[in-house]
Amino acid sequence: MKASILKEVFEFLWSKKKFWLIPVVIILLLVGFLIILTEGSAIAPFIYTLF
């Protein structure tokens, strides 16, 4: 399900020639993934101070 949404977003960006948005989307996905991974760990307070 989620993979198809990501695929659709990238296909939209590619078809509309919005190549400059691709790194922005990737960075947002990585930050979201980092927050989800560190939610219950001891590293969480250090990650949240970055934002």
N, C-alpha and C. Protein backbone atom coordinates (compact mmCIF):
# COMPACT_ATOMS: atom_id res chain seq x y z
N MET A 1 0.83 -1.20 0.00
CA MET A 1 0.00 0.00 0.00
C MET A 1 0.87 1.26 0.00
N LYS A 2 1.78 1.36 0.98
CA LYS A 2 2.61 2.56 1.08
C LYS A 2 3.58 2.67 -0.10
N ALA A 3 4.06 1.54 -0.56
CA ALA A 3 4.99 1.57 -1.70
C ALA A 3 4.29 2.10 -2.94
N SER A 4 3.04 1.78 -3.11
CA SER A 4 2.33 2.27 -4.29
C SER A 4 2.10 3.78 -4.21
N ILE A 5 1.90 4.29 -2.99
CA ILE A 5 1.73 5.74 -2.83
C ILE A 5 3.04 6.45 -3.16
N LEU A 6 4.15 5.92 -2.66
CA LEU A 6 5.45 6.53 -2.97
C LEU A 6 5.73 6.47 -4.46
N LYS A 7 5.43 5.34 -5.06
CA LYS A 7 5.64 5.20 -6.50
C LYS A 7 4.81 6.23 -7.27
N GLU A 8 3.58 6.42 -6.84
CA GLU A 8 2.69 7.38 -7.50
C GLU A 8 3.21 8.81 -7.35
N VAL A 9 3.73 9.14 -6.18
CA VAL A 9 4.28 10.49 -5.95
C VAL A 9 5.47 10.73 -6.87
N PHE A 10 6.38 9.75 -6.93
CA PHE A 10 7.56 9.93 -7.77
C PHE A 10 7.20 9.97 -9.26
N GLU A 11 6.22 9.19 -9.66
CA GLU A 11 5.77 9.24 -11.06
C GLU A 11 5.16 10.60 -11.39
N PHE A 12 4.41 11.16 -10.44
CA PHE A 12 3.83 12.49 -10.63
C PHE A 12 4.93 13.54 -10.77
N LEU A 13 5.92 13.48 -9.86
CA LEU A 13 7.01 14.45 -9.92
C LEU A 13 7.79 14.32 -11.22
N TRP A 14 7.99 13.09 -11.67
CA TRP A 14 8.74 12.84 -12.90
C TRP A 14 7.96 13.36 -14.11
N SER A 15 6.65 13.11 -14.14
CA SER A 15 5.85 13.51 -15.30
C SER A 15 5.68 15.03 -15.39
N LYS A 16 5.66 15.70 -14.24
CA LYS A 16 5.50 17.15 -14.22
C LYS A 16 6.83 17.89 -14.27
N LYS A 17 7.93 17.14 -14.41
CA LYS A 17 9.29 17.69 -14.50
C LYS A 17 9.66 18.50 -13.25
N LYS A 18 9.24 18.01 -12.09
CA LYS A 18 9.55 18.65 -10.82
C LYS A 18 10.71 17.90 -10.15
N PHE A 19 11.82 17.81 -10.85
CA PHE A 19 12.96 17.05 -10.37
C PHE A 19 13.54 17.61 -9.08
N TRP A 20 13.41 18.92 -8.86
CA TRP A 20 13.97 19.54 -7.66
C TRP A 20 13.21 19.12 -6.41
N LEU A 21 12.00 18.60 -6.55
CA LEU A 21 11.23 18.17 -5.37
C LEU A 21 11.60 16.76 -4.90
N ILE A 22 12.26 15.99 -5.74
CA ILE A 22 12.60 14.62 -5.38
C ILE A 22 13.51 14.56 -4.15
N PRO A 23 14.59 15.37 -4.06
CA PRO A 23 15.40 15.34 -2.83
C PRO A 23 14.62 15.79 -1.60
N VAL A 24 13.71 16.73 -1.76
CA VAL A 24 12.90 17.20 -0.64
C VAL A 24 12.04 16.06 -0.10
N VAL A 25 11.40 15.32 -0.98
CA VAL A 25 10.55 14.20 -0.58
C VAL A 25 11.40 13.13 0.11
N ILE A 26 12.57 12.85 -0.42
CA ILE A 26 13.44 11.83 0.17
C ILE A 26 13.88 12.24 1.58
N ILE A 27 14.26 13.50 1.75
CA ILE A 27 14.68 13.99 3.07
C ILE A 27 13.52 13.90 4.07
N LEU A 28 12.32 14.29 3.65
CA LEU A 28 11.16 14.21 4.54
C LEU A 28 10.87 12.76 4.94
N LEU A 29 10.99 11.84 4.00
CA LEU A 29 10.78 10.43 4.32
C LEU A 29 11.83 9.91 5.30
N LEU A 30 13.08 10.31 5.11
CA LEU A 30 14.15 9.87 6.02
C LEU A 30 13.96 10.44 7.42
N VAL A 31 13.58 11.69 7.53
CA VAL A 31 13.35 12.31 8.84
C VAL A 31 12.17 11.63 9.53
N GLY A 32 11.10 11.37 8.80
CA GLY A 32 9.96 10.67 9.38
C GLY A 32 10.32 9.28 9.85
N PHE A 33 11.10 8.58 9.05
CA PHE A 33 11.55 7.24 9.41
C PHE A 33 12.42 7.28 10.66
N LEU A 34 13.30 8.29 10.76
CA LEU A 34 14.16 8.44 11.92
C LEU A 34 13.35 8.69 13.18
N ILE A 35 12.34 9.53 13.09
CA ILE A 35 11.50 9.82 14.24
C ILE A 35 10.73 8.57 14.68
N ILE A 36 10.23 7.81 13.73
CA ILE A 36 9.49 6.58 14.07
C ILE A 36 10.41 5.56 14.73
N LEU A 37 11.63 5.43 14.23
CA LEU A 37 12.56 4.45 14.79
C LEU A 37 13.00 4.80 16.21
N THR A 38 13.18 6.07 16.49
CA THR A 38 13.73 6.48 17.79
C THR A 38 12.66 6.84 18.80
N GLU A 39 11.41 6.58 18.49
CA GLU A 39 10.31 6.99 19.36
C GLU A 39 10.42 6.41 20.77
N GLY A 40 10.78 5.17 20.90
CA GLY A 40 10.82 4.55 22.22
C GLY A 40 12.22 4.30 22.73
N SER A 41 13.21 4.88 22.15
CA SER A 41 14.58 4.57 22.55
C SER A 41 15.17 5.68 23.42
N ALA A 42 16.37 5.44 23.90
CA ALA A 42 17.07 6.42 24.72
C ALA A 42 17.63 7.56 23.88
N ILE A 43 17.66 7.39 22.58
CA ILE A 43 18.20 8.43 21.68
C ILE A 43 17.15 9.51 21.41
N ALA A 44 15.90 9.21 21.69
CA ALA A 44 14.79 10.11 21.33
C ALA A 44 14.99 11.55 21.81
N PRO A 45 15.39 11.82 23.05
CA PRO A 45 15.54 13.22 23.45
C PRO A 45 16.57 13.98 22.60
N PHE A 46 17.60 13.29 22.15
CA PHE A 46 18.63 13.95 21.33
C PHE A 46 18.13 14.22 19.92
N ILE A 47 17.31 13.33 19.38
CA ILE A 47 16.75 13.52 18.05
C ILE A 47 15.77 14.69 18.06
N TYR A 48 14.92 14.76 19.09
CA TYR A 48 13.90 15.81 19.13
C TYR A 48 14.50 17.19 19.35
N THR A 49 15.70 17.28 19.92
CA THR A 49 16.32 18.59 20.08
C THR A 49 16.77 19.16 18.73
N LEU A 50 16.92 18.32 17.72
CA LEU A 50 17.29 18.80 16.39
C LEU A 50 16.17 19.59 15.75
N PHE A 51 14.94 19.34 16.17
CA PHE A 51 13.80 20.00 15.57
C PHE A 51 13.22 21.02 16.51
